[in-house]
Amino acid sequence: MIGGWELTALLLLAGLVWLWLDSLRARDAGIVAARRQCEREGLQLLDETVAIAKLRLARNDDGQLRLQRTYRFEYSDTGDNRRNGEVTLTGAEVVSLYTGPHVLH
């Protein structure tokens, strides 16, 4: 029979596994969004990845409480520089994406 301590540890472990898997899914969605935005604007996504910058609770459009993650990424508009962009997701849904001012080709 499982005692209170073991059950608590098991639930905590399950919660951490869920957070890890959910974070991987959100990160992948952030990479796809950043890549598509860079392609649309004729930019080069550097390192082909995003890095977590912020994690908080937020409500989605339906009023449900979800994890909101902001990821930073680097891109180049000239091929010689590095600029910063951000993509924010609530759950796996992109709610904002910013590449900032850059040189137009």
PDB file of N, CA and C in Angstrom:
ATOM      1  N   MET A   1       0.841  -1.188   0.000  1.00  0.00           N
ATOM      2  CA  MET A   1       0.000   0.000   0.000  1.00  0.00           C
ATOM      3  C   MET A   1       0.886   1.253   0.000  1.00  0.00           C
ATOM      4  N   ILE A   2       0.492   2.249  -0.771  1.00  0.00           N
ATOM      5  CA  ILE A   2       1.260   3.486  -0.875  1.00  0.00           C
ATOM      6  C   ILE A   2       0.854   4.427   0.254  1.00  0.00           C
ATOM      7  N   GLY A   3       1.863   4.946   0.957  1.00  0.00           N
ATOM      8  CA  GLY A   3       1.616   5.885   2.037  1.00  0.00           C
ATOM      9  C   GLY A   3       1.514   7.312   1.511  1.00  0.00           C
ATOM     10  N   GLY A   4       1.244   8.263   2.375  1.00  0.00           N
ATOM     11  CA  GLY A   4       1.090   9.668   2.008  1.00  0.00           C
ATOM     12  C   GLY A   4       2.344  10.272   1.403  1.00  0.00           C
ATOM     13  N   TRP A   5       3.483   9.953   1.957  1.00  0.00           N
ATOM     14  CA  TRP A   5       4.769  10.474   1.479  1.00  0.00           C
ATOM     15  C   TRP A   5       5.057   9.979   0.084  1.00  0.00           C
ATOM     16  N   GLU A   6       4.880   8.659  -0.123  1.00  0.00           N
ATOM     17  CA  GLU A   6       5.136   8.079  -1.442  1.00  0.00           C
ATOM     18  C   GLU A   6       4.190   8.639  -2.495  1.00  0.00           C
ATOM     19  N   LEU A   7       2.919   8.791  -2.122  1.00  0.00           N
ATOM     20  CA  LEU A   7       1.931   9.343  -3.052  1.00  0.00           C
ATOM     21  C   LEU A   7       2.277  10.786  -3.414  1.00  0.00           C
ATOM     22  N   THR A   8       2.683  11.566  -2.423  1.00  0.00           N
ATOM     23  CA  THR A   8       3.089  12.953  -2.673  1.00  0.00           C
ATOM     24  C   THR A   8       4.298  12.999  -3.609  1.00  0.00           C
ATOM     25  N   ALA A   9       5.284  12.147  -3.356  1.00  0.00           N
ATOM     26  CA  ALA A   9       6.478  12.107  -4.201  1.00  0.00           C
ATOM     27  C   ALA A   9       6.123  11.682  -5.627  1.00  0.00           C
ATOM     28  N   LEU A  10       5.227  10.709  -5.760  1.00  0.00           N
ATOM     29  CA  LEU A  10       4.801  10.240  -7.075  1.00  0.00           C
ATOM     30  C   LEU A  10       4.054  11.334  -7.842  1.00  0.00           C
ATOM     31  N   LEU A  11       3.171  12.056  -7.161  1.00  0.00           N
ATOM     32  CA  LEU A  11       2.441  13.154  -7.797  1.00  0.00           C
ATOM     33  C   LEU A  11       3.380  14.292  -8.193  1.00  0.00           C
ATOM     34  N   LEU A  12       4.345  14.583  -7.343  1.00  0.00           N
ATOM     35  CA  LEU A  12       5.328  15.625  -7.665  1.00  0.00           C
ATOM     36  C   LEU A  12       6.153  15.225  -8.883  1.00  0.00           C
ATOM     37  N   LEU A  13       6.581  13.970  -8.925  1.00  0.00           N
ATOM     38  CA  LEU A  13       7.344  13.481 -10.061  1.00  0.00           C
ATOM     39  C   LEU A  13       6.507  13.543 -11.346  1.00  0.00           C
ATOM     40  N   ALA A  14       5.248  13.129 -11.259  1.00  0.00           N
ATOM     41  CA  ALA A  14       4.357  13.188 -12.432  1.00  0.00           C
ATOM     42  C   ALA A  14       4.175  14.633 -12.890  1.00  0.00           C
ATOM     43  N   GLY A  15       4.049  15.575 -11.972  1.00  0.00           N
ATOM     44  CA  GLY A  15       3.922  16.985 -12.323  1.00  0.00           C
ATOM     45  C   GLY A  15       5.164  17.519 -13.012  1.00  0.00           C
ATOM     46  N   LEU A  16       6.329  17.114 -12.541  1.00  0.00           N
ATOM     47  CA  LEU A  16       7.580  17.552 -13.166  1.00  0.00           C
ATOM     48  C   LEU A  16       7.744  16.973 -14.566  1.00  0.00           C
ATOM     49  N   VAL A  17       7.354  15.718 -14.753  1.00  0.00           N
ATOM     50  CA  VAL A  17       7.419  15.104 -16.079  1.00  0.00           C
ATOM     51  C   VAL A  17       6.465  15.831 -17.028  1.00  0.00           C
ATOM     52  N   TRP A  18       5.246  16.129 -16.550  1.00  0.00           N
ATOM     53  CA  TRP A  18       4.289  16.872 -17.382  1.00  0.00           C
ATOM     54  C   TRP A  18       4.853  18.234 -17.768  1.00  0.00           C
ATOM     55  N   LEU A  19       5.438  18.966 -16.801  1.00  0.00           N
ATOM     56  CA  LEU A  19       6.006  20.291 -17.081  1.00  0.00           C
ATOM     57  C   LEU A  19       7.120  20.193 -18.113  1.00  0.00           C
ATOM     58  N   TRP A  20       7.969  19.198 -17.995  1.00  0.00           N
ATOM     59  CA  TRP A  20       9.069  19.014 -18.933  1.00  0.00           C
ATOM     60  C   TRP A  20       8.544  18.743 -20.338  1.00  0.00           C
ATOM     61  N   LEU A  21       7.590  17.812 -20.474  1.00  0.00           N
ATOM     62  CA  LEU A  21       7.041  17.481 -21.793  1.00  0.00           C
ATOM     63  C   LEU A  21       6.277  18.662 -22.390  1.00  0.00           C
ATOM     64  N   ASP A  22       5.516  19.372 -21.570  1.00  0.00           N
ATOM     65  CA  ASP A  22       4.777  20.544 -22.043  1.00  0.00           C
ATOM     66  C   ASP A  22       5.738  21.648 -22.481  1.00  0.00           C
ATOM     67  N   SER A  23       6.839  21.789 -21.770  1.00  0.00           N
ATOM     68  CA  SER A  23       7.841  22.798 -22.133  1.00  0.00           C
ATOM     69  C   SER A  23       8.514  22.450 -23.455  1.00  0.00           C
ATOM     70  N   LEU A  24       8.770  21.174 -23.700  1.00  0.00           N
ATOM     71  CA  LEU A  24       9.345  20.770 -24.981  1.00  0.00           C
ATOM     72  C   LEU A  24       8.390  21.085 -26.131  1.00  0.00           C
ATOM     73  N   ARG A  25       7.108  20.811 -25.928  1.00  0.00           N
ATOM     74  CA  ARG A  25       6.102  21.080 -26.958  1.00  0.00           C
ATOM     75  C   ARG A  25       6.003  22.585 -27.235  1.00  0.00           C
ATOM     76  N   ALA A  26       5.996  23.397 -26.187  1.00  0.00           N
ATOM     77  CA  ALA A  26       5.917  24.852 -26.357  1.00  0.00           C
ATOM     78  C   ALA A  26       7.188  25.381 -27.025  1.00  0.00           C
ATOM     79  N   ARG A  27       8.349  24.860 -26.637  1.00  0.00           N
ATOM     80  CA  ARG A  27       9.604  25.301 -27.246  1.00  0.00           C
ATOM     81  C   ARG A  27       9.620  24.992 -28.732  1.00  0.00           C
ATOM     82  N   ASP A  28       9.171  23.804 -29.091  1.00  0.00           N
ATOM     83  CA  ASP A  28       9.108  23.440 -30.513  1.00  0.00           C
ATOM     84  C   ASP A  28       8.173  24.374 -31.276  1.00  0.00           C
ATOM     85  N   ALA A  29       7.033  24.719 -30.684  1.00  0.00           N
ATOM     86  CA  ALA A  29       6.104  25.659 -31.321  1.00  0.00           C
ATOM     87  C   ALA A  29       6.751  27.034 -31.455  1.00  0.00           C
ATOM     88  N   GLY A  30       7.544  27.439 -30.476  1.00  0.00           N
ATOM     89  CA  GLY A  30       8.247  28.716 -30.541  1.00  0.00           C
ATOM     90  C   GLY A  30       9.292  28.738 -31.639  1.00  0.00           C
ATOM     91  N   ILE A  31      10.008  27.635 -31.816  1.00  0.00           N
ATOM     92  CA  ILE A  31      11.010  27.544 -32.885  1.00  0.00           C
ATOM     93  C   ILE A  31      10.335  27.644 -34.248  1.00  0.00           C
ATOM     94  N   VAL A  32       9.244  26.913 -34.424  1.00  0.00           N
ATOM     95  CA  VAL A  32       8.515  26.944 -35.703  1.00  0.00           C
ATOM     96  C   VAL A  32       8.017  28.357 -35.993  1.00  0.00           C
ATOM     97  N   ALA A  33       7.449  29.029 -34.989  1.00  0.00           N
ATOM     98  CA  ALA A  33       6.935  30.386 -35.184  1.00  0.00           C
ATOM     99  C   ALA A  33       8.061  31.357 -35.530  1.00  0.00           C
ATOM    100  N   ALA A  34       9.180  31.275 -34.825  1.00  0.00           N
ATOM    101  CA  ALA A  34      10.319  32.165 -35.101  1.00  0.00           C
ATOM    102  C   ALA A  34      10.870  31.911 -36.502  1.00  0.00           C
ATOM    103  N   ARG A  35      10.994  30.640 -36.875  1.00  0.00           N
ATOM    104  CA  ARG A  35      11.511  30.293 -38.197  1.00  0.00           C
ATOM    105  C   ARG A  35      10.596  30.844 -39.299  1.00  0.00           C
ATOM    106  N   ARG A  36       9.294  30.659 -39.149  1.00  0.00           N
ATOM    107  CA  ARG A  36       8.340  31.147 -40.160  1.00  0.00           C
ATOM    108  C   ARG A  36       8.373  32.665 -40.273  1.00  0.00           C
ATOM    109  N   GLN A  37       8.442  33.349 -39.137  1.00  0.00           N
ATOM    110  CA  GLN A  37       8.493  34.813 -39.163  1.00  0.00           C
ATOM    111  C   GLN A  37       9.762  35.284 -39.858  1.00  0.00           C
ATOM    112  N   CYS A  38      10.881  34.652 -39.556  1.00  0.00           N
ATOM    113  CA  CYS A  38      12.148  35.029 -40.199  1.00  0.00           C
ATOM    114  C   CYS A  38      12.076  34.786 -41.701  1.00  0.00           C
ATOM    115  N   GLU A  39      11.496  33.679 -42.118  1.00  0.00           N
ATOM    116  CA  GLU A  39      11.358  33.404 -43.550  1.00  0.00           C
ATOM    117  C   GLU A  39      10.479  34.455 -44.225  1.00  0.00           C
ATOM    118  N   ARG A  40       9.366  34.820 -43.580  1.00  0.00           N
ATOM    119  CA  ARG A  40       8.458  35.835 -44.145  1.00  0.00           C
ATOM    120  C   ARG A  40       9.143  37.176 -44.323  1.00  0.00           C
ATOM    121  N   GLU A  41      10.014  37.527 -43.381  1.00  0.00           N
ATOM    122  CA  GLU A  41      10.660  38.837 -43.407  1.00  0.00           C
ATOM    123  C   GLU A  41      12.030  38.808 -44.081  1.00  0.00           C
ATOM    124  N   GLY A  42      12.432  37.674 -44.606  1.00  0.00           N
ATOM    125  CA  GLY A  42      13.730  37.577 -45.257  1.00  0.00           C
ATOM    126  C   GLY A  42      14.891  37.659 -44.284  1.00  0.00           C
ATOM    127  N   LEU A  43      14.699  37.152 -43.079  1.00  0.00           N
ATOM    128  CA  LEU A  43      15.724  37.176 -42.041  1.00  0.00           C
ATOM    129  C   LEU A  43      16.314  35.783 -41.874  1.00  0.00           C
ATOM    130  N   GLN A  44      17.468  35.724 -41.235  1.00  0.00           N
ATOM    131  CA  GLN A  44      18.104  34.449 -40.959  1.00  0.00           C
ATOM    132  C   GLN A  44      17.978  34.151 -39.475  1.00  0.00           C
ATOM    133  N   LEU A  45      17.277  33.075 -39.118  1.00  0.00           N
ATOM    134  CA  LEU A  45      17.182  32.645 -37.724  1.00  0.00           C
ATOM    135  C   LEU A  45      18.516  32.022 -37.339  1.00  0.00           C
ATOM    136  N   LEU A  46      19.177  32.607 -36.369  1.00  0.00           N
ATOM    137  CA  LEU A  46      20.499  32.132 -35.964  1.00  0.00           C
ATOM    138  C   LEU A  46      20.365  31.018 -34.932  1.00  0.00           C
ATOM    139  N   ASP A  47      21.203  30.043 -35.015  1.00  0.00           N
ATOM    140  CA  ASP A  47      21.268  28.903 -34.096  1.00  0.00           C
ATOM    141  C   ASP A  47      20.036  28.003 -34.164  1.00  0.00           C
ATOM    142  N   GLU A  48      19.040  28.372 -34.979  1.00  0.00           N
ATOM    143  CA  GLU A  48      17.831  27.554 -35.174  1.00  0.00           C
ATOM    144  C   GLU A  48      17.190  27.117 -33.862  1.00  0.00           C
ATOM    145  N   THR A  49      17.187  28.007 -32.863  1.00  0.00           N
ATOM    146  CA  THR A  49      16.599  27.655 -31.578  1.00  0.00           C
ATOM    147  C   THR A  49      16.080  28.894 -30.857  1.00  0.00           C
ATOM    148  N   VAL A  50      15.362  28.642 -29.767  1.00  0.00           N
ATOM    149  CA  VAL A  50      14.865  29.697 -28.885  1.00  0.00           C
ATOM    150  C   VAL A  50      15.298  29.353 -27.466  1.00  0.00           C
ATOM    151  N   ALA A  51      15.362  30.353 -26.603  1.00  0.00           N
ATOM    152  CA  ALA A  51      15.749  30.141 -25.205  1.00  0.00           C
ATOM    153  C   ALA A  51      14.701  30.773 -24.297  1.00  0.00           C
ATOM    154  N   ILE A  52      14.321  30.054 -23.258  1.00  0.00           N
ATOM    155  CA  ILE A  52      13.292  30.550 -22.338  1.00  0.00           C
ATOM    156  C   ILE A  52      13.788  31.816 -21.639  1.00  0.00           C
ATOM    157  N   ALA A  53      12.936  32.827 -21.615  1.00  0.00           N
ATOM    158  CA  ALA A  53      13.277  34.091 -20.956  1.00  0.00           C
ATOM    159  C   ALA A  53      12.341  34.376 -19.786  1.00  0.00           C
ATOM    160  N   LYS A  54      11.093  33.898 -19.888  1.00  0.00           N
ATOM    161  CA  LYS A  54      10.109  34.197 -18.859  1.00  0.00           C
ATOM    162  C   LYS A  54       9.071  33.084 -18.811  1.00  0.00           C
ATOM    163  N   LEU A  55       8.614  32.758 -17.611  1.00  0.00           N
ATOM    164  CA  LEU A  55       7.572  31.758 -17.411  1.00  0.00           C
ATOM    165  C   LEU A  55       6.623  32.283 -16.354  1.00  0.00           C
ATOM    166  N   ARG A  56       5.330  32.316 -16.694  1.00  0.00           N
ATOM    167  CA  ARG A  56       4.334  32.792 -15.730  1.00  0.00           C
ATOM    168  C   ARG A  56       2.980  32.186 -16.050  1.00  0.00           C
ATOM    169  N   LEU A  57       2.041  32.365 -15.153  1.00  0.00           N
ATOM    170  CA  LEU A  57       0.663  31.941 -15.393  1.00  0.00           C
ATOM    171  C   LEU A  57      -0.096  33.081 -16.062  1.00  0.00           C
ATOM    172  N   ALA A  58      -0.937  32.743 -17.023  1.00  0.00           N
ATOM    173  CA  ALA A  58      -1.754  33.745 -17.718  1.00  0.00           C
ATOM    174  C   ALA A  58      -3.035  33.064 -18.192  1.00  0.00           C
ATOM    175  N   ARG A  59      -4.038  33.870 -18.451  1.00  0.00           N
ATOM    176  CA  ARG A  59      -5.300  33.335 -18.959  1.00  0.00           C
ATOM    177  C   ARG A  59      -5.303  33.398 -20.480  1.00  0.00           C
ATOM    178  N   ASN A  60      -5.845  32.340 -21.101  1.00  0.00           N
ATOM    179  CA  ASN A  60      -5.971  32.342 -22.555  1.00  0.00           C
ATOM    180  C   ASN A  60      -7.262  33.062 -22.951  1.00  0.00           C
ATOM    181  N   ASP A  61      -7.610  33.052 -24.233  1.00  0.00           N
ATOM    182  CA  ASP A  61      -8.810  33.752 -24.705  1.00  0.00           C
ATOM    183  C   ASP A  61     -10.094  33.198 -24.105  1.00  0.00           C
ATOM    184  N   ASP A  62     -10.079  31.945 -23.681  1.00  0.00           N
ATOM    185  CA  ASP A  62     -11.258  31.318 -23.069  1.00  0.00           C
ATOM    186  C   ASP A  62     -11.304  31.518 -21.562  1.00  0.00           C
ATOM    187  N   GLY A  63     -10.331  32.230 -21.010  1.00  0.00           N
ATOM    188  CA  GLY A  63     -10.288  32.490 -19.578  1.00  0.00           C
ATOM    189  C   GLY A  63      -9.646  31.382 -18.760  1.00  0.00           C
ATOM    190  N   GLN A  64      -9.088  30.371 -19.427  1.00  0.00           N
ATOM    191  CA  GLN A  64      -8.437  29.272 -18.722  1.00  0.00           C
ATOM    192  C   GLN A  64      -7.021  29.654 -18.341  1.00  0.00           C
ATOM    193  N   LEU A  65      -6.611  29.241 -17.152  1.00  0.00           N
ATOM    194  CA  LEU A  65      -5.269  29.520 -16.669  1.00  0.00           C
ATOM    195  C   LEU A  65      -4.283  28.572 -17.347  1.00  0.00           C
ATOM    196  N   ARG A  66      -3.261  29.132 -17.966  1.00  0.00           N
ATOM    197  CA  ARG A  66      -2.249  28.362 -18.697  1.00  0.00           C
ATOM    198  C   ARG A  66      -0.865  28.915 -18.370  1.00  0.00           C
ATOM    199  N   LEU A  67       0.145  28.125 -18.677  1.00  0.00           N
ATOM    200  CA  LEU A  67       1.517  28.620 -18.571  1.00  0.00           C
ATOM    201  C   LEU A  67       1.811  29.488 -19.785  1.00  0.00           C
ATOM    202  N   GLN A  68       2.357  30.645 -19.527  1.00  0.00           N
ATOM    203  CA  GLN A  68       2.780  31.527 -20.617  1.00  0.00           C
ATOM    204  C   GLN A  68       4.294  31.591 -20.590  1.00  0.00           C
ATOM    205  N   ARG A  69       4.881  31.298 -21.737  1.00  0.00           N
ATOM    206  CA  ARG A  69       6.332  31.282 -21.854  1.00  0.00           C
ATOM    207  C   ARG A  69       6.765  32.314 -22.890  1.00  0.00           C
ATOM    208  N   THR A  70       7.799  33.043 -22.569  1.00  0.00           N
ATOM    209  CA  THR A  70       8.409  33.949 -23.532  1.00  0.00           C
ATOM    210  C   THR A  70       9.799  33.406 -23.839  1.00  0.00           C
ATOM    211  N   TYR A  71      10.047  33.240 -25.122  1.00  0.00           N
ATOM    212  CA  TYR A  71      11.334  32.740 -25.592  1.00  0.00           C
ATOM    213  C   TYR A  71      12.035  33.841 -26.369  1.00  0.00           C
ATOM    214  N   ARG A  72      13.341  33.906 -26.215  1.00  0.00           N
ATOM    215  CA  ARG A  72      14.148  34.836 -27.004  1.00  0.00           C
ATOM    216  C   ARG A  72      14.892  34.042 -28.068  1.00  0.00           C
ATOM    217  N   PHE A  73      15.116  34.704 -29.185  1.00  0.00           N
ATOM    218  CA  PHE A  73      15.900  34.095 -30.245  1.00  0.00           C
ATOM    219  C   PHE A  73      16.715  35.182 -30.914  1.00  0.00           C
ATOM    220  N   GLU A  74      17.704  34.769 -31.657  1.00  0.00           N
ATOM    221  CA  GLU A  74      18.541  35.715 -32.383  1.00  0.00           C
ATOM    222  C   GLU A  74      18.370  35.505 -33.875  1.00  0.00           C
ATOM    223  N   TYR A  75      18.392  36.609 -34.589  1.00  0.00           N
ATOM    224  CA  TYR A  75      18.282  36.559 -36.044  1.00  0.00           C
ATOM    225  C   TYR A  75      19.244  37.578 -36.625  1.00  0.00           C
ATOM    226  N   SER A  76      19.475  37.485 -37.922  1.00  0.00           N
ATOM    227  CA  SER A  76      20.313  38.450 -38.612  1.00  0.00           C
ATOM    228  C   SER A  76      19.537  39.010 -39.789  1.00  0.00           C
ATOM    229  N   ASP A  77      19.642  40.316 -39.961  1.00  0.00           N
ATOM    230  CA  ASP A  77      18.990  40.941 -41.118  1.00  0.00           C
ATOM    231  C   ASP A  77      19.984  41.255 -42.227  1.00  0.00           C
ATOM    232  N   THR A  78      21.285  41.213 -41.906  1.00  0.00           N
ATOM    233  CA  THR A  78      22.310  41.505 -42.923  1.00  0.00           C
ATOM    234  C   THR A  78      23.249  40.330 -43.162  1.00  0.00           C
ATOM    235  N   GLY A  79      23.250  39.371 -42.268  1.00  0.00           N
ATOM    236  CA  GLY A  79      24.195  38.257 -42.335  1.00  0.00           C
ATOM    237  C   GLY A  79      25.447  38.512 -41.538  1.00  0.00           C
ATOM    238  N   ASP A  80      25.645  39.766 -41.080  1.00  0.00           N
ATOM    239  CA  ASP A  80      26.844  40.133 -40.318  1.00  0.00           C
ATOM    240  C   ASP A  80      26.552  40.469 -38.863  1.00  0.00           C
ATOM    241  N   ASN A  81      25.302  40.460 -38.473  1.00  0.00           N
ATOM    242  CA  ASN A  81      24.959  40.934 -37.132  1.00  0.00           C
ATOM    243  C   ASN A  81      24.028  39.951 -36.429  1.00  0.00           C
ATOM    244  N   ARG A  82      23.797  40.238 -35.153  1.00  0.00           N
ATOM    245  CA  ARG A  82      22.864  39.456 -34.349  1.00  0.00           C
ATOM    246  C   ARG A  82      21.862  40.422 -33.731  1.00  0.00           C
ATOM    247  N   ARG A  83      20.596  40.138 -33.926  1.00  0.00           N
ATOM    248  CA  ARG A  83      19.525  40.934 -33.336  1.00  0.00           C
ATOM    249  C   ARG A  83      18.646  40.010 -32.514  1.00  0.00           C
ATOM    250  N   ASN A  84      17.939  40.589 -31.552  1.00  0.00           N
ATOM    251  CA  ASN A  84      17.094  39.801 -30.655  1.00  0.00           C
ATOM    252  C   ASN A  84      15.632  39.880 -31.046  1.00  0.00           C
ATOM    253  N   GLY A  85      14.963  38.751 -30.955  1.00  0.00           N
ATOM    254  CA  GLY A  85      13.525  38.667 -31.153  1.00  0.00           C
ATOM    255  C   GLY A  85      12.913  37.923 -29.991  1.00  0.00           C
ATOM    256  N   GLU A  86      11.592  37.991 -29.884  1.00  0.00           N
ATOM    257  CA  GLU A  86      10.872  37.300 -28.820  1.00  0.00           C
ATOM    258  C   GLU A  86       9.597  36.689 -29.371  1.00  0.00           C
ATOM    259  N   VAL A  87       9.276  35.518 -28.870  1.00  0.00           N
ATOM    260  CA  VAL A  87       8.001  34.881 -29.181  1.00  0.00           C
ATOM    261  C   VAL A  87       7.377  34.471 -27.845  1.00  0.00           C
ATOM    262  N   THR A  88       6.098  34.827 -27.665  1.00  0.00           N
ATOM    263  CA  THR A  88       5.380  34.505 -26.444  1.00  0.00           C
ATOM    264  C   THR A  88       4.254  33.541 -26.774  1.00  0.00           C
ATOM    265  N   LEU A  89       4.161  32.484 -25.996  1.00  0.00           N
ATOM    266  CA  LEU A  89       3.135  31.471 -26.185  1.00  0.00           C
ATOM    267  C   LEU A  89       2.348  31.290 -24.895  1.00  0.00           C
ATOM    268  N   THR A  90       1.049  31.141 -25.030  1.00  0.00           N
ATOM    269  CA  THR A  90       0.212  30.726 -23.917  1.00  0.00           C
ATOM    270  C   THR A  90      -0.199  29.298 -24.242  1.00  0.00           C
ATOM    271  N   GLY A  91       0.272  28.358 -23.443  1.00  0.00           N
ATOM    272  CA  GLY A  91       0.168  26.952 -23.820  1.00  0.00           C
ATOM    273  C   GLY A  91       1.091  26.751 -25.013  1.00  0.00           C
ATOM    274  N   ALA A  92       0.535  26.237 -26.112  1.00  0.00           N
ATOM    275  CA  ALA A  92       1.328  26.088 -27.342  1.00  0.00           C
ATOM    276  C   ALA A  92       0.877  27.075 -28.409  1.00  0.00           C
ATOM    277  N   GLU A  93       0.057  28.047 -28.026  1.00  0.00           N
ATOM    278  CA  GLU A  93      -0.471  29.037 -28.971  1.00  0.00           C
ATOM    279  C   GLU A  93       0.365  30.316 -28.929  1.00  0.00           C
ATOM    280  N   VAL A  94       0.834  30.740 -30.080  1.00  0.00           N
ATOM    281  CA  VAL A  94       1.618  31.975 -30.173  1.00  0.00           C
ATOM    282  C   VAL A  94       0.686  33.166 -29.950  1.00  0.00           C
ATOM    283  N   VAL A  95       1.023  34.014 -28.976  1.00  0.00           N
ATOM    284  CA  VAL A  95       0.215  35.208 -28.712  1.00  0.00           C
ATOM    285  C   VAL A  95       0.925  36.482 -29.143  1.00  0.00           C
ATOM    286  N   SER A  96       2.255  36.430 -29.270  1.00  0.00           N
ATOM    287  CA  SER A  96       2.968  37.580 -29.822  1.00  0.00           C
ATOM    288  C   SER A  96       4.335  37.123 -30.333  1.00  0.00           C
ATOM    289  N   LEU A  97       4.797  37.850 -31.337  1.00  0.00           N
ATOM    290  CA  LEU A  97       6.103  37.572 -31.916  1.00  0.00           C
ATOM    291  C   LEU A  97       6.696  38.903 -32.347  1.00  0.00           C
ATOM    292  N   TYR A  98       7.912  39.171 -31.923  1.00  0.00           N
ATOM    293  CA  TYR A  98       8.536  40.465 -32.186  1.00  0.00           C
ATOM    294  C   TYR A  98       9.941  40.256 -32.744  1.00  0.00           C
ATOM    295  N   THR A  99      10.217  40.852 -33.892  1.00  0.00           N
ATOM    296  CA  THR A  99      11.571  40.818 -34.433  1.00  0.00           C
ATOM    297  C   THR A  99      12.226  42.182 -34.411  1.00  0.00           C
ATOM    298  N   GLY A 100      11.497  43.215 -34.078  1.00  0.00           N
ATOM    299  CA  GLY A 100      12.106  44.531 -33.961  1.00  0.00           C
ATOM    300  C   GLY A 100      12.466  45.156 -35.285  1.00  0.00           C
ATOM    301  N   PRO A 101      13.001  46.360 -35.245  1.00  0.00           N
ATOM    302  CA  PRO A 101      13.393  47.020 -36.481  1.00  0.00           C
ATOM    303  C   PRO A 101      14.632  46.353 -37.073  1.00  0.00           C
ATOM    304  N   HIS A 102      14.686  46.281 -38.392  1.00  0.00           N
ATOM    305  CA  HIS A 102      15.829  45.688 -39.056  1.00  0.00           C
ATOM    306  C   HIS A 102      15.944  46.253 -40.466  1.00  0.00           C
ATOM    307  N   VAL A 103      17.091  45.997 -41.069  1.00  0.00           N
ATOM    308  CA  VAL A 103      17.374  46.498 -42.419  1.00  0.00           C
ATOM    309  C   VAL A 103      16.469  45.771 -43.410  1.00  0.00           C
ATOM    310  N   LEU A 104      15.809  46.528 -44.274  1.00  0.00           N
ATOM    311  CA  LEU A 104      14.964  45.920 -45.314  1.00  0.00           C
ATOM    312  C   LEU A 104      15.804  45.651 -46.541  1.00  0.00           C
ATOM    313  N   HIS A 105      15.604  44.507 -47.159  1.00  0.00           N
ATOM    314  CA  HIS A 105      16.357  44.125 -48.364  1.00  0.00           C
ATOM    315  C   HIS A 105      15.632  44.611 -49.603  1.00  0.00           C
TER     316      HIS A 105
END
